Amino acid sequence: MKKYDSYVKKAFRYEVFGFRKKAIEIMEKAVEQPFSKLEIGSGYIYLGLLYRNLKELNRANAYFEQALELCMDEEYPYSPNYKIVLQSFLENGEIEKEEQWRSHLINRDTYDKKIKNLKHKKQLS
């Protein structure tokens, strides 16, 4: 069995050279493996970022939400990608979803003070 990191590294190599569809295929296989919730959630976030780069916000946001729901009860560290996730919800007109997940993430500041970086909502121009 491959390790989660080996899937990410392989997908990243394809992404760097512009082969996002191939990177997506690799990460879709990764999230089907019996990895930890945090690893699978991370894979969903990565898939969401890949689809976001392809301007497929509906698909991207579906993966973002899967990640957030899967890891809702897990302690996971702050990532600057959370700002991108929240912004993606806003850009797709999913205001309530953005507010729900922002609130949920901010409540995690009890174990990761960097989460406070999410308190200030970025407005769409």
N, C-alpha and C. Protein backbone atom coordinates (compact mmCIF):
# COMPACT_ATOMS: atom_id res chain seq x y z
N MET A 1 0.83 -1.19 0.00
CA MET A 1 0.00 0.00 0.00
C MET A 1 0.88 1.25 0.00
N LYS A 2 0.55 2.19 -0.87
CA LYS A 2 1.28 3.44 -0.93
C LYS A 2 0.90 4.34 0.24
N LYS A 3 1.81 5.22 0.59
CA LYS A 3 1.52 6.21 1.61
C LYS A 3 0.81 7.39 0.97
N TYR A 4 0.02 8.08 1.78
CA TYR A 4 -0.71 9.25 1.29
C TYR A 4 0.23 10.25 0.63
N ASP A 5 1.36 10.52 1.29
CA ASP A 5 2.31 11.51 0.76
C ASP A 5 2.80 11.17 -0.64
N SER A 6 2.92 9.88 -0.95
CA SER A 6 3.40 9.51 -2.29
C SER A 6 2.36 9.88 -3.35
N TYR A 7 1.08 9.78 -3.03
CA TYR A 7 0.03 10.21 -3.96
C TYR A 7 0.11 11.73 -4.18
N VAL A 8 0.27 12.46 -3.08
CA VAL A 8 0.32 13.93 -3.16
C VAL A 8 1.52 14.38 -3.99
N LYS A 9 2.67 13.79 -3.73
CA LYS A 9 3.88 14.16 -4.47
C LYS A 9 3.72 13.88 -5.96
N LYS A 10 3.16 12.73 -6.28
CA LYS A 10 2.96 12.37 -7.69
C LYS A 10 1.98 13.34 -8.35
N ALA A 11 0.87 13.62 -7.67
CA ALA A 11 -0.12 14.54 -8.22
C ALA A 11 0.49 15.93 -8.40
N PHE A 12 1.27 16.36 -7.43
CA PHE A 12 1.90 17.68 -7.50
C PHE A 12 2.82 17.79 -8.71
N ARG A 13 3.58 16.72 -8.97
CA ARG A 13 4.48 16.75 -10.14
C ARG A 13 3.68 16.97 -11.43
N TYR A 14 2.55 16.31 -11.55
CA TYR A 14 1.72 16.51 -12.74
C TYR A 14 1.14 17.92 -12.76
N GLU A 15 0.68 18.39 -11.61
CA GLU A 15 0.08 19.73 -11.54
C GLU A 15 1.08 20.81 -11.96
N VAL A 16 2.31 20.69 -11.48
CA VAL A 16 3.34 21.69 -11.77
C VAL A 16 3.56 21.84 -13.27
N PHE A 17 3.45 20.75 -13.98
CA PHE A 17 3.66 20.80 -15.44
C PHE A 17 2.36 21.02 -16.21
N GLY A 18 1.29 21.38 -15.49
CA GLY A 18 0.04 21.75 -16.14
C GLY A 18 -0.90 20.59 -16.45
N PHE A 19 -0.59 19.42 -15.94
CA PHE A 19 -1.45 18.25 -16.19
C PHE A 19 -2.41 18.06 -15.01
N ARG A 20 -3.30 19.02 -14.84
CA ARG A 20 -4.22 18.99 -13.68
C ARG A 20 -5.16 17.81 -13.72
N LYS A 21 -5.62 17.45 -14.91
CA LYS A 21 -6.56 16.30 -15.01
C LYS A 21 -5.89 15.02 -14.51
N LYS A 22 -4.62 14.84 -14.83
CA LYS A 22 -3.89 13.67 -14.37
C LYS A 22 -3.69 13.75 -12.85
N ALA A 23 -3.40 14.94 -12.35
CA ALA A 23 -3.26 15.13 -10.91
C ALA A 23 -4.58 14.79 -10.20
N ILE A 24 -5.69 15.18 -10.81
CA ILE A 24 -7.01 14.87 -10.26
C ILE A 24 -7.23 13.36 -10.21
N GLU A 25 -6.87 12.66 -11.27
CA GLU A 25 -7.01 11.20 -11.29
C GLU A 25 -6.25 10.56 -10.13
N ILE A 26 -5.04 11.03 -9.92
CA ILE A 26 -4.20 10.47 -8.85
C ILE A 26 -4.83 10.73 -7.49
N MET A 27 -5.30 11.95 -7.26
CA MET A 27 -5.88 12.28 -5.97
C MET A 27 -7.24 11.61 -5.76
N GLU A 28 -7.97 11.37 -6.83
CA GLU A 28 -9.23 10.63 -6.68
C GLU A 28 -8.95 9.20 -6.22
N LYS A 29 -7.86 8.63 -6.69
CA LYS A 29 -7.46 7.30 -6.20
C LYS A 29 -7.02 7.37 -4.74
N ALA A 30 -6.33 8.44 -4.39
CA ALA A 30 -5.82 8.59 -3.02
C ALA A 30 -6.95 8.63 -2.00
N VAL A 31 -8.02 9.37 -2.30
CA VAL A 31 -9.09 9.51 -1.32
C VAL A 31 -9.93 8.24 -1.18
N GLU A 32 -9.70 7.28 -2.06
CA GLU A 32 -10.40 5.99 -1.96
C GLU A 32 -9.62 4.99 -1.11
N GLN A 33 -8.40 5.34 -0.73
CA GLN A 33 -7.55 4.45 0.06
C GLN A 33 -7.93 4.52 1.54
N PRO A 34 -7.55 3.51 2.31
CA PRO A 34 -7.89 3.50 3.74
C PRO A 34 -6.93 4.36 4.58
N PHE A 35 -6.83 5.63 4.24
CA PHE A 35 -5.98 6.56 4.98
C PHE A 35 -6.78 7.15 6.14
N SER A 36 -6.11 7.92 6.97
CA SER A 36 -6.78 8.58 8.09
C SER A 36 -7.77 9.62 7.56
N LYS A 37 -8.69 10.01 8.43
CA LYS A 37 -9.66 11.05 8.05
C LYS A 37 -8.95 12.34 7.64
N LEU A 38 -7.91 12.70 8.38
CA LEU A 38 -7.19 13.93 8.06
C LEU A 38 -6.50 13.85 6.71
N GLU A 39 -5.96 12.70 6.37
CA GLU A 39 -5.32 12.54 5.06
C GLU A 39 -6.36 12.59 3.94
N ILE A 40 -7.46 11.89 4.13
CA ILE A 40 -8.51 11.92 3.11
C ILE A 40 -9.08 13.33 2.98
N GLY A 41 -9.29 13.99 4.11
CA GLY A 41 -9.77 15.37 4.07
C GLY A 41 -8.80 16.29 3.33
N SER A 42 -7.53 16.09 3.57
CA SER A 42 -6.50 16.85 2.87
C SER A 42 -6.56 16.57 1.36
N GLY A 43 -6.80 15.32 1.02
CA GLY A 43 -6.95 14.95 -0.39
C GLY A 43 -8.14 15.64 -1.03
N TYR A 44 -9.25 15.72 -0.30
CA TYR A 44 -10.43 16.42 -0.82
C TYR A 44 -10.14 17.91 -1.03
N ILE A 45 -9.41 18.50 -0.08
CA ILE A 45 -9.03 19.91 -0.24
C ILE A 45 -8.17 20.09 -1.49
N TYR A 46 -7.21 19.20 -1.67
CA TYR A 46 -6.34 19.28 -2.84
C TYR A 46 -7.17 19.14 -4.12
N LEU A 47 -8.09 18.19 -4.14
CA LEU A 47 -8.97 18.03 -5.31
C LEU A 47 -9.77 19.31 -5.55
N GLY A 48 -10.28 19.89 -4.48
CA GLY A 48 -11.02 21.15 -4.62
C GLY A 48 -10.16 22.25 -5.21
N LEU A 49 -8.92 22.34 -4.75
CA LEU A 49 -8.01 23.36 -5.28
C LEU A 49 -7.73 23.13 -6.76
N LEU A 50 -7.56 21.87 -7.14
CA LEU A 50 -7.32 21.56 -8.55
C LEU A 50 -8.51 21.97 -9.41
N TYR A 51 -9.71 21.63 -8.95
CA TYR A 51 -10.91 22.00 -9.72
C TYR A 51 -11.12 23.51 -9.72
N ARG A 52 -10.77 24.16 -8.62
CA ARG A 52 -10.88 25.62 -8.58
C ARG A 52 -9.96 26.25 -9.62
N ASN A 53 -8.75 25.71 -9.75
CA ASN A 53 -7.82 26.21 -10.77
C ASN A 53 -8.35 25.99 -12.18
N LEU A 54 -9.20 24.98 -12.34
CA LEU A 54 -9.83 24.72 -13.64
C LEU A 54 -11.11 25.53 -13.81
N LYS A 55 -11.40 26.40 -12.85
CA LYS A 55 -12.59 27.27 -12.85
C LYS A 55 -13.90 26.49 -12.73
N GLU A 56 -13.82 25.31 -12.10
CA GLU A 56 -15.01 24.49 -11.87
C GLU A 56 -15.40 24.61 -10.40
N LEU A 57 -16.01 25.76 -10.05
CA LEU A 57 -16.28 26.06 -8.65
C LEU A 57 -17.28 25.11 -8.00
N ASN A 58 -18.29 24.68 -8.74
CA ASN A 58 -19.26 23.75 -8.13
C ASN A 58 -18.57 22.47 -7.67
N ARG A 59 -17.76 21.94 -8.54
CA ARG A 59 -17.03 20.70 -8.20
C ARG A 59 -16.02 20.96 -7.09
N ALA A 60 -15.31 22.06 -7.19
CA ALA A 60 -14.32 22.42 -6.17
C ALA A 60 -14.99 22.52 -4.81
N ASN A 61 -16.09 23.24 -4.75
CA ASN A 61 -16.77 23.46 -3.48
C ASN A 61 -17.36 22.18 -2.92
N ALA A 62 -17.77 21.28 -3.79
CA ALA A 62 -18.28 19.98 -3.32
C ALA A 62 -17.16 19.22 -2.61
N TYR A 63 -15.96 19.25 -3.17
CA TYR A 63 -14.82 18.59 -2.51
C TYR A 63 -14.44 19.30 -1.21
N PHE A 64 -14.46 20.64 -1.23
CA PHE A 64 -14.15 21.37 -0.01
C PHE A 64 -15.12 20.99 1.10
N GLU A 65 -16.39 20.93 0.76
CA GLU A 65 -17.38 20.61 1.78
C GLU A 65 -17.22 19.17 2.28
N GLN A 66 -16.90 18.26 1.38
CA GLN A 66 -16.64 16.87 1.80
C GLN A 66 -15.51 16.82 2.82
N ALA A 67 -14.46 17.58 2.56
CA ALA A 67 -13.31 17.61 3.48
C ALA A 67 -13.72 18.16 4.84
N LEU A 68 -14.42 19.26 4.83
CA LEU A 68 -14.82 19.89 6.08
C LEU A 68 -15.77 19.00 6.88
N GLU A 69 -16.70 18.36 6.19
CA GLU A 69 -17.64 17.47 6.88
C GLU A 69 -16.93 16.24 7.44
N LEU A 70 -16.05 15.66 6.65
CA LEU A 70 -15.33 14.46 7.08
C LEU A 70 -14.51 14.73 8.35
N CYS A 71 -13.89 15.88 8.39
CA CYS A 71 -12.96 16.19 9.49
C CYS A 71 -13.56 17.10 10.56
N MET A 72 -14.87 17.23 10.54
CA MET A 72 -15.54 18.14 11.45
C MET A 72 -15.16 17.90 12.92
N ASP A 73 -15.01 16.65 13.30
CA ASP A 73 -14.71 16.32 14.70
C ASP A 73 -13.22 16.06 14.95
N GLU A 74 -12.40 16.33 13.97
CA GLU A 74 -10.95 16.12 14.10
C GLU A 74 -10.27 17.44 14.46
N GLU A 75 -9.16 17.34 15.14
CA GLU A 75 -8.32 18.53 15.38
C GLU A 75 -7.33 18.62 14.24
N TYR A 76 -7.50 19.61 13.42
CA TYR A 76 -6.56 19.78 12.32
C TYR A 76 -5.99 21.19 12.36
N PRO A 77 -4.74 21.33 11.95
CA PRO A 77 -4.06 22.62 12.06
C PRO A 77 -4.55 23.62 11.02
N TYR A 78 -4.28 24.88 11.31
CA TYR A 78 -4.60 25.95 10.36
C TYR A 78 -3.84 25.74 9.06
N SER A 79 -4.48 26.09 7.97
CA SER A 79 -3.84 26.09 6.66
C SER A 79 -4.30 27.34 5.92
N PRO A 80 -3.41 28.01 5.20
CA PRO A 80 -3.83 29.17 4.40
C PRO A 80 -4.85 28.77 3.33
N ASN A 81 -4.93 27.49 3.04
CA ASN A 81 -5.93 27.02 2.06
C ASN A 81 -7.36 27.24 2.54
N TYR A 82 -7.56 27.36 3.86
CA TYR A 82 -8.92 27.59 4.37
C TYR A 82 -9.46 28.92 3.85
N LYS A 83 -8.61 29.91 3.72
CA LYS A 83 -9.05 31.20 3.16
C LYS A 83 -9.50 31.01 1.72
N ILE A 84 -8.80 30.19 0.97
CA ILE A 84 -9.16 29.92 -0.43
C ILE A 84 -10.49 29.17 -0.48
N VAL A 85 -10.67 28.22 0.42
CA VAL A 85 -11.92 27.46 0.47
C VAL A 85 -13.09 28.42 0.73
N LEU A 86 -12.96 29.26 1.74
CA LEU A 86 -14.02 30.19 2.08
C LEU A 86 -14.29 31.17 0.93
N GLN A 87 -13.23 31.65 0.31
CA GLN A 87 -13.37 32.57 -0.83
C GLN A 87 -14.08 31.88 -1.99
N SER A 88 -13.80 30.62 -2.19
CA SER A 88 -14.43 29.86 -3.27
C SER A 88 -15.94 29.77 -3.06
N PHE A 89 -16.35 29.54 -1.80
CA PHE A 89 -17.79 29.52 -1.52
C PHE A 89 -18.41 30.88 -1.86
N LEU A 90 -17.74 31.96 -1.46
CA LEU A 90 -18.25 33.30 -1.75
C LEU A 90 -18.35 33.55 -3.26
N GLU A 91 -17.29 33.21 -3.98
CA GLU A 91 -17.27 33.45 -5.43
C GLU A 91 -18.35 32.67 -6.16
N ASN A 92 -18.79 31.58 -5.56
CA ASN A 92 -19.82 30.75 -6.18
C ASN A 92 -21.21 31.11 -5.65
N GLY A 93 -21.30 32.19 -4.89
CA GLY A 93 -22.59 32.64 -4.38
C GLY A 93 -23.12 31.81 -3.22
N GLU A 94 -22.27 31.02 -2.59
CA GLU A 94 -22.69 30.17 -1.47
C GLU A 94 -22.36 30.87 -0.15
N ILE A 95 -23.06 31.99 0.06
CA ILE A 95 -22.79 32.86 1.21
C ILE A 95 -23.05 32.15 2.54
N GLU A 96 -24.21 31.49 2.64
CA GLU A 96 -24.55 30.81 3.90
C GLU A 96 -23.54 29.71 4.23
N LYS A 97 -23.13 28.99 3.20
CA LYS A 97 -22.15 27.92 3.41
C LYS A 97 -20.82 28.50 3.89
N GLU A 98 -20.42 29.62 3.28
CA GLU A 98 -19.17 30.27 3.69
C GLU A 98 -19.26 30.71 5.15
N GLU A 99 -20.40 31.30 5.53
CA GLU A 99 -20.56 31.77 6.91
C GLU A 99 -20.57 30.61 7.89
N GLN A 100 -21.23 29.51 7.51
CA GLN A 100 -21.29 28.32 8.36
C GLN A 100 -19.89 27.76 8.61
N TRP A 101 -19.13 27.59 7.52
CA TRP A 101 -17.81 26.98 7.67
C TRP A 101 -16.81 27.94 8.30
N ARG A 102 -16.93 29.24 8.04
CA ARG A 102 -16.04 30.21 8.70
C ARG A 102 -16.26 30.13 10.21
N SER A 103 -17.51 30.13 10.62
CA SER A 103 -17.84 30.04 12.05
C SER A 103 -17.28 28.75 12.65
N HIS A 104 -17.48 27.65 11.96
CA HIS A 104 -16.98 26.37 12.44
C HIS A 104 -15.45 26.39 12.59
N LEU A 105 -14.78 26.91 11.59
CA LEU A 105 -13.31 26.96 11.64
C LEU A 105 -12.81 27.88 12.74
N ILE A 106 -13.45 29.04 12.89
CA ILE A 106 -13.02 30.00 13.90
C ILE A 106 -13.13 29.41 15.31
N ASN A 107 -14.11 28.55 15.52
CA ASN A 107 -14.28 27.92 16.84
C ASN A 107 -13.12 27.00 17.18
N ARG A 108 -12.27 26.73 16.22
CA ARG A 108 -11.11 25.86 16.46
C ARG A 108 -9.91 26.63 17.02
N ASP A 109 -10.07 27.91 17.25
CA ASP A 109 -8.93 28.69 17.74
C ASP A 109 -8.52 28.33 19.16
N THR A 110 -9.26 27.43 19.80
CA THR A 110 -8.86 26.99 21.14
C THR A 110 -7.60 26.15 21.11
N TYR A 111 -7.34 25.49 19.99
CA TYR A 111 -6.12 24.67 19.91
C TYR A 111 -5.16 25.13 18.82
N ASP A 112 -5.56 26.08 18.01
CA ASP A 112 -4.64 26.62 16.99
C ASP A 112 -4.94 28.11 16.82
N LYS A 113 -4.11 28.92 17.39
CA LYS A 113 -4.33 30.38 17.39
C LYS A 113 -4.27 30.99 15.99
N LYS A 114 -3.63 30.33 15.05
CA LYS A 114 -3.55 30.86 13.68
C LYS A 114 -4.93 30.92 13.02
N ILE A 115 -5.87 30.15 13.54
CA ILE A 115 -7.23 30.14 12.99
C ILE A 115 -7.83 31.54 13.04
N LYS A 116 -7.36 32.36 13.96
CA LYS A 116 -7.88 33.73 14.06
C LYS A 116 -7.70 34.50 12.76
N ASN A 117 -6.79 34.04 11.91
CA ASN A 117 -6.58 34.69 10.61
C ASN A 117 -7.84 34.64 9.74
N LEU A 118 -8.77 33.77 10.07
CA LEU A 118 -9.99 33.63 9.27
C LEU A 118 -11.11 34.56 9.72
N LYS A 119 -10.91 35.27 10.81
CA LYS A 119 -11.99 36.09 11.37
C LYS A 119 -12.39 37.23 10.46
N HIS A 120 -11.48 37.74 9.70
CA HIS A 120 -11.78 38.89 8.84
C HIS A 120 -12.17 38.39 7.46
N LYS A 121 -13.41 38.61 7.12
CA LYS A 121 -13.97 38.15 5.86
C LYS A 121 -13.48 39.02 4.73
N LYS A 122 -12.97 38.39 3.69
CA LYS A 122 -12.54 39.10 2.49
C LYS A 122 -13.76 39.37 1.63
N GLN A 123 -13.97 40.61 1.30
CA GLN A 123 -15.13 40.96 0.49
C GLN A 123 -14.82 40.79 -0.99
N LEU A 124 -15.83 40.34 -1.73
CA LEU A 124 -15.68 40.24 -3.17
C LEU A 124 -15.75 41.63 -3.79
N SER A 125 -14.94 41.85 -4.81
CA SER A 125 -15.00 43.15 -5.47
C SER A 125 -15.87 43.11 -6.69
